[in-house]
Protein backbone atom coordinates (compact mmCIF):
# COMPACT_ATOMS: atom_id res chain seq x y z
CA MET A 1 15.21 67.54 38.34
CA SER A 2 11.97 66.27 39.86
CA PHE A 3 10.20 67.21 43.05
CA HIS A 4 8.52 63.81 43.16
CA PRO A 5 10.22 61.09 45.20
CA ILE A 6 11.03 57.81 43.51
CA MET A 7 8.19 55.43 44.33
CA PRO A 8 9.14 51.75 44.32
CA TYR A 9 5.82 50.47 42.99
CA GLY A 10 5.44 46.70 43.30
CA GLU A 11 7.32 46.63 46.60
CA GLY A 12 6.31 47.06 50.24
CA HIS A 13 3.02 48.81 50.89
CA HIS A 14 2.74 49.87 47.23
CA ARG A 15 2.21 46.26 46.17
CA SER A 16 -1.41 45.41 45.38
CA ASP A 17 -2.94 42.17 46.63
CA ARG A 18 -5.80 42.55 44.19
CA VAL A 19 -6.60 39.32 42.40
CA LEU A 20 -8.21 39.72 39.01
CA LEU A 21 -11.14 37.49 38.26
CA HIS A 22 -10.86 34.94 35.50
CA LYS A 23 -12.30 36.40 32.29
CA GLY A 24 -14.61 33.45 31.72
CA GLU A 25 -16.97 32.86 28.83
CA PRO A 26 -19.16 35.70 27.53
CA PHE A 27 -22.03 36.07 29.98
CA ASN A 28 -25.68 37.03 29.60
CA TYR A 29 -28.49 36.42 32.05
CA THR A 30 -31.06 33.90 30.97
CA PRO A 31 -34.31 35.65 29.94
CA GLU A 32 -35.92 34.50 33.22
CA ARG A 33 -33.12 35.89 35.38
CA ALA A 34 -32.97 39.13 33.37
CA ALA A 35 -36.71 39.57 33.95
CA GLN A 36 -36.27 38.79 37.66
CA LEU A 37 -33.49 41.36 37.99
CA GLU A 38 -35.47 43.96 36.05
CA GLU A 39 -38.32 43.44 38.51
CA ILE A 40 -35.92 44.00 41.43
CA CYS A 41 -34.49 47.14 39.77
CA ALA A 42 -38.02 48.52 39.39
CA LYS A 43 -38.28 48.72 43.18
CA TYR A 44 -35.71 51.54 43.17
CA PRO A 45 -35.84 54.99 41.57
CA PRO A 46 -34.25 54.86 38.08
CA GLU A 47 -31.20 56.81 39.25
CA ARG A 48 -30.66 54.26 42.09
CA ARG A 49 -30.73 51.20 39.84
CA LYS A 50 -27.32 50.18 41.16
CA SER A 51 -28.96 49.38 44.51
CA ALA A 52 -29.78 45.99 42.97
CA VAL A 53 -26.11 45.05 42.60
CA LEU A 54 -26.14 42.37 45.35
CA ALA A 55 -29.18 40.71 43.80
CA ALA A 56 -27.52 40.94 40.39
CA LEU A 57 -24.41 39.17 41.66
CA TYR A 58 -26.45 36.46 43.39
CA LEU A 59 -28.22 35.82 40.09
CA VAL A 60 -24.87 35.44 38.31
CA GLN A 61 -23.72 32.98 40.94
CA GLU A 62 -27.00 31.08 40.72
CA GLN A 63 -26.61 30.83 36.95
CA GLN A 64 -22.97 29.86 36.56
CA GLY A 65 -21.79 28.97 40.05
CA TYR A 66 -19.19 31.72 40.48
CA LEU A 67 -18.28 35.21 39.31
CA THR A 68 -16.14 36.01 36.29
CA ALA A 69 -14.90 39.27 34.83
CA SER A 70 -17.26 38.84 31.86
CA ALA A 71 -20.21 38.41 34.19
CA LEU A 72 -19.26 41.50 36.18
CA ARG A 73 -19.12 43.53 32.97
CA HIS A 74 -22.58 42.28 32.05
CA VAL A 75 -23.89 43.25 35.49
CA ALA A 76 -22.37 46.72 35.06
CA GLU A 77 -24.09 47.18 31.70
CA PHE A 78 -27.38 45.89 33.09
CA LEU A 79 -27.30 48.26 36.07
CA ARG A 80 -25.75 51.16 34.09
CA ILE A 81 -22.76 51.50 36.38
CA THR A 82 -19.05 50.91 35.91
CA PRO A 83 -17.39 47.47 36.13
CA ALA A 84 -15.23 48.89 38.94
CA GLU A 85 -18.35 49.61 41.03
CA VAL A 86 -19.52 46.04 40.55
CA GLU A 87 -16.10 44.66 41.39
CA ASP A 88 -15.95 46.78 44.56
CA VAL A 89 -19.05 44.98 45.85
CA ALA A 90 -18.11 41.54 44.56
CA SER A 91 -14.66 41.65 46.13
CA TYR A 92 -15.95 42.92 49.50
CA TYR A 93 -18.43 40.16 50.27
CA VAL A 94 -17.18 36.65 51.01
CA MET A 95 -20.37 34.92 49.89
CA PHE A 96 -19.50 35.50 46.26
CA PHE A 97 -17.26 32.81 44.82
CA LYS A 98 -14.43 34.04 42.62
CA ALA A 99 -13.53 30.62 41.21
CA PRO A 100 -15.37 27.38 40.46
CA VAL A 101 -16.56 25.64 43.62
CA GLY A 102 -17.90 22.22 44.48
CA LYS A 103 -21.55 21.24 44.59
CA TYR A 104 -21.44 21.69 48.38
CA VAL A 105 -19.47 24.63 49.75
CA LEU A 106 -18.73 24.06 53.44
CA GLN A 107 -18.11 27.43 55.10
CA VAL A 108 -16.82 27.30 58.68
CA CYS A 109 -17.29 30.47 60.72
CA ARG A 110 -13.95 31.49 62.24
CA THR A 111 -14.95 34.60 64.14
CA LEU A 112 -14.36 34.85 67.90
CA SER A 113 -17.31 32.93 69.36
CA CYS A 114 -16.93 30.08 66.91
CA ALA A 115 -13.14 30.11 67.31
CA LEU A 116 -13.44 29.85 71.11
CA ALA A 117 -15.95 27.00 70.74
CA GLY A 118 -13.66 24.92 68.51
CA ALA A 119 -14.12 26.12 64.92
CA GLU A 120 -10.45 25.49 64.20
CA ARG A 121 -10.84 21.81 65.12
CA VAL A 122 -13.97 21.61 62.95
CA THR A 123 -12.11 23.08 59.96
CA GLU A 124 -9.16 20.76 60.56
CA SER A 125 -11.36 17.67 60.78
CA LEU A 126 -13.29 18.63 57.64
CA GLY A 127 -9.99 19.13 55.84
CA GLU A 128 -8.79 15.68 56.95
CA LYS A 129 -12.09 14.04 56.05
CA LEU A 130 -12.13 15.58 52.57
CA GLY A 131 -8.37 15.62 51.96
CA LEU A 132 -8.51 19.38 51.39
CA LYS A 133 -6.97 22.58 52.62
CA VAL A 134 -9.12 25.66 53.17
CA GLY A 135 -9.94 27.18 49.79
CA GLU A 136 -9.67 23.92 47.87
CA THR A 137 -12.22 21.78 46.02
CA ASP A 138 -11.98 18.00 45.98
CA ALA A 139 -11.19 16.13 42.78
CA SER A 140 -14.79 14.95 42.38
CA GLY A 141 -16.03 18.55 42.38
CA MET A 142 -18.42 17.73 45.20
CA PHE A 143 -16.95 19.70 48.14
CA THR A 144 -15.20 23.03 48.65
CA LEU A 145 -13.93 24.00 52.11
CA LEU A 146 -13.86 27.68 53.08
CA GLU A 147 -13.59 29.79 56.22
CA PHE A 148 -16.19 32.50 56.76
CA GLU A 149 -16.53 35.62 58.85
CA CYS A 150 -19.27 35.99 61.43
CA LEU A 151 -22.50 34.15 60.68
CA GLY A 152 -24.29 35.83 63.58
CA ALA A 153 -25.12 32.67 65.52
CA CYS A 154 -22.65 33.08 68.38
CA ASP A 155 -24.92 31.30 70.87
CA ARG A 156 -24.83 28.21 68.65
CA ALA A 157 -21.13 28.21 67.84
CA PRO A 158 -19.35 26.77 66.04
CA VAL A 159 -21.43 27.13 62.91
CA VAL A 160 -20.89 25.58 59.49
CA MET A 161 -22.89 27.00 56.59
CA VAL A 162 -23.44 25.03 53.40
CA ASN A 163 -23.94 26.80 50.06
CA ASN A 164 -24.55 30.22 51.64
CA GLU A 165 -27.86 28.99 53.02
CA HIS A 166 -28.02 25.90 55.21
CA TRP A 167 -26.63 26.12 58.75
CA HIS A 168 -25.27 23.38 60.95
CA GLU A 169 -24.88 24.65 64.47
CA ARG A 170 -22.90 23.53 67.51
CA ALA A 171 -20.72 21.67 65.05
CA THR A 172 -18.11 19.22 66.24
CA PRO A 173 -15.47 17.26 64.31
CA GLU A 174 -17.72 14.20 64.68
CA SER A 175 -20.94 15.91 63.53
CA CYS A 176 -19.17 17.41 60.52
CA ALA A 177 -17.81 14.02 59.51
CA ARG A 178 -21.39 12.73 59.64
CA LEU A 179 -22.54 15.73 57.60
CA VAL A 180 -20.05 14.92 54.84
CA ASP A 181 -21.13 11.26 54.80
CA ASP A 182 -24.79 12.28 54.76
CA LEU A 183 -24.26 14.71 51.88
CA ARG A 184 -22.56 11.98 49.90
CA GLN A 185 -25.40 9.55 50.57
CA ARG A 186 -28.52 11.71 50.72
CA GLY A 187 -27.54 14.95 49.00
CA ALA A 188 -29.50 18.07 49.92
CA ALA A 189 -31.83 16.04 52.18
CA ALA A 190 -28.96 16.02 54.69
CA LEU A 191 -29.10 19.80 55.10
CA THR A 192 -31.23 19.98 58.23
CA GLY A 193 -28.77 20.99 60.96
CA CYS A 194 -30.22 24.45 61.68
CA HIS A 195 -32.15 24.78 64.96
CA LEU A 196 -35.04 26.21 62.96
CA HIS A 197 -35.46 22.71 61.52
CA ILE A 198 -34.42 20.39 64.37
CA GLU A 199 -35.90 22.21 67.41
CA ARG A 200 -39.44 22.93 66.25
């Protein structure tokens, strides 16, 4: 006899949606990135070394393009915390890529202001232009299309961010089609859509 109810694990609300990262190749920071991260860690008290976890993950992404389980383990060893603590952070933030991505990652903000200003049409037109669905990378490895949560530029909605850094504001299906063509022709030189560049 047991006082514990039978728990149907794997069904209903007991089912986990957790997606495990690909193991990937063994990972180590390059000496330059290890030195850079050590310098960042030195800004915190030794017992708060884990405060550098976001910087550590950005450095992984800068080095190999996306996160892997091997890289997360390396980050954990470097910061002297558990892999689970690193994974908690990595899985929470959408700017960390959990799979290989294209050279240009087009991230369309889908939060309320952008949605009301036509973000859905922007995403749809980018998908048609590139022949992709959200979350996919084209066969050439040049473009990945993603949706993103609030980019904090509601007065300039809809916003498309490229590679976690370059913004294109007040985007329209037409302007995004031009952006794709420009990226194909001019590469990073086409990344000038932010008002900080075009309205000086």
